[in-house]
């Protein structure tokens, strides 16, 4: 069963971001995910 968007966002910030759990990030983010923080280059993958 797929998690809803709010659950995924909460999990990303709690587990992947705050706890720096790379395993969770790899589990919930697409391989071609792109991210650009407020200060820095765009990151992909």
N, C-alpha and C. Protein backbone atom coordinates (compact mmCIF):
# COMPACT_ATOMS: atom_id res chain seq x y z
N UNK A 1 0.85 -1.18 0.00
CA UNK A 1 0.00 0.00 0.00
C UNK A 1 0.88 1.24 0.00
N UNK A 2 0.62 2.15 -0.90
CA UNK A 2 1.41 3.37 -1.00
C UNK A 2 1.03 4.35 0.11
N UNK A 3 2.04 5.00 0.63
CA UNK A 3 1.79 6.00 1.68
C UNK A 3 1.27 7.28 1.03
N UNK A 4 0.46 8.02 1.77
CA UNK A 4 -0.04 9.28 1.23
C UNK A 4 1.07 10.34 1.27
N UNK A 5 0.88 11.42 0.55
CA UNK A 5 1.90 12.46 0.42
C UNK A 5 2.33 13.06 1.75
N UNK A 6 1.37 13.36 2.62
CA UNK A 6 1.70 13.96 3.92
C UNK A 6 2.58 13.03 4.75
N UNK A 7 2.30 11.74 4.70
CA UNK A 7 3.11 10.77 5.43
C UNK A 7 4.52 10.71 4.88
N UNK A 8 4.65 10.73 3.56
CA UNK A 8 5.98 10.70 2.94
C UNK A 8 6.80 11.94 3.28
N UNK A 9 6.16 13.10 3.24
CA UNK A 9 6.87 14.34 3.57
C UNK A 9 7.30 14.33 5.03
N UNK A 10 6.42 13.92 5.91
CA UNK A 10 6.76 13.85 7.34
C UNK A 10 7.90 12.87 7.57
N UNK A 11 7.83 11.73 6.91
CA UNK A 11 8.89 10.73 7.07
C UNK A 11 10.22 11.25 6.52
N UNK A 12 10.18 11.93 5.38
CA UNK A 12 11.40 12.48 4.80
C UNK A 12 12.08 13.42 5.80
N UNK A 13 11.32 14.38 6.34
CA UNK A 13 11.94 15.34 7.25
C UNK A 13 12.33 14.73 8.58
N UNK A 14 11.56 13.81 9.10
CA UNK A 14 11.88 13.20 10.39
C UNK A 14 13.04 12.22 10.28
N UNK A 15 12.92 11.28 9.37
CA UNK A 15 13.90 10.20 9.31
C UNK A 15 15.08 10.50 8.39
N UNK A 16 14.80 10.91 7.16
CA UNK A 16 15.88 11.12 6.20
C UNK A 16 16.66 12.41 6.50
N UNK A 17 15.95 13.50 6.75
CA UNK A 17 16.61 14.80 6.95
C UNK A 17 17.14 14.95 8.38
N UNK A 18 16.27 14.90 9.37
CA UNK A 18 16.68 15.16 10.76
C UNK A 18 17.59 14.09 11.33
N UNK A 19 17.35 12.83 10.97
CA UNK A 19 18.17 11.75 11.50
C UNK A 19 19.26 11.31 10.52
N UNK A 20 19.33 11.98 9.36
CA UNK A 20 20.32 11.69 8.33
C UNK A 20 20.36 10.21 7.96
N UNK A 21 19.17 9.62 7.79
CA UNK A 21 19.06 8.21 7.45
C UNK A 21 19.01 8.05 5.93
N UNK A 22 20.16 7.76 5.35
CA UNK A 22 20.26 7.65 3.90
C UNK A 22 19.44 6.48 3.36
N UNK A 23 19.30 5.43 4.14
CA UNK A 23 18.50 4.28 3.72
C UNK A 23 17.05 4.68 3.47
N UNK A 24 16.51 5.49 4.36
CA UNK A 24 15.13 5.97 4.21
C UNK A 24 15.04 6.87 2.98
N UNK A 25 16.01 7.76 2.81
CA UNK A 25 15.99 8.65 1.64
C UNK A 25 15.98 7.83 0.35
N UNK A 26 16.81 6.81 0.27
CA UNK A 26 16.84 5.97 -0.92
C UNK A 26 15.54 5.20 -1.12
N UNK A 27 14.88 4.87 -0.04
CA UNK A 27 13.62 4.12 -0.11
C UNK A 27 12.48 4.99 -0.62
N UNK A 28 12.40 6.24 -0.19
CA UNK A 28 11.21 7.04 -0.52
C UNK A 28 11.40 8.04 -1.66
N UNK A 29 12.65 8.31 -2.08
CA UNK A 29 12.88 9.26 -3.16
C UNK A 29 13.18 8.54 -4.47
N UNK A 30 12.72 9.10 -5.56
CA UNK A 30 12.97 8.53 -6.88
C UNK A 30 14.45 8.65 -7.22
N UNK A 31 14.94 7.74 -8.06
CA UNK A 31 16.36 7.75 -8.44
C UNK A 31 16.76 9.06 -9.13
N UNK A 32 15.84 9.68 -9.86
CA UNK A 32 16.16 10.91 -10.57
C UNK A 32 15.71 12.16 -9.81
N UNK A 33 15.52 12.01 -8.50
CA UNK A 33 15.14 13.12 -7.63
C UNK A 33 16.14 14.26 -7.79
N UNK A 34 15.65 15.49 -7.84
CA UNK A 34 16.56 16.64 -7.87
C UNK A 34 16.20 17.56 -6.71
N UNK A 35 17.22 18.17 -6.14
CA UNK A 35 17.05 19.02 -4.97
C UNK A 35 17.95 20.23 -5.10
N UNK A 36 17.41 21.37 -4.78
CA UNK A 36 18.22 22.58 -4.75
C UNK A 36 17.89 23.32 -3.47
N UNK A 37 18.85 23.35 -2.57
CA UNK A 37 18.68 24.09 -1.33
C UNK A 37 18.77 25.57 -1.61
N UNK A 38 18.54 26.37 -0.60
CA UNK A 38 18.56 27.81 -0.80
C UNK A 38 19.95 28.35 -1.12
N UNK A 39 20.97 27.62 -0.73
CA UNK A 39 22.36 28.05 -0.98
C UNK A 39 23.17 26.92 -1.58
N UNK A 40 23.08 26.74 -2.84
CA UNK A 40 23.90 25.69 -3.42
C UNK A 40 23.41 25.20 -4.76
N UNK A 41 24.21 24.36 -5.36
CA UNK A 41 23.85 23.83 -6.69
C UNK A 41 22.75 22.77 -6.58
N UNK A 42 22.12 22.52 -7.69
CA UNK A 42 21.13 21.46 -7.75
C UNK A 42 21.83 20.11 -7.65
N UNK A 43 21.27 19.21 -6.90
CA UNK A 43 21.80 17.85 -6.75
C UNK A 43 20.81 16.88 -7.36
N UNK A 44 21.31 15.87 -8.03
CA UNK A 44 20.45 14.85 -8.63
C UNK A 44 20.89 13.48 -8.17
N UNK A 45 19.89 12.60 -8.08
CA UNK A 45 20.18 11.20 -7.76
C UNK A 45 20.16 10.90 -6.29
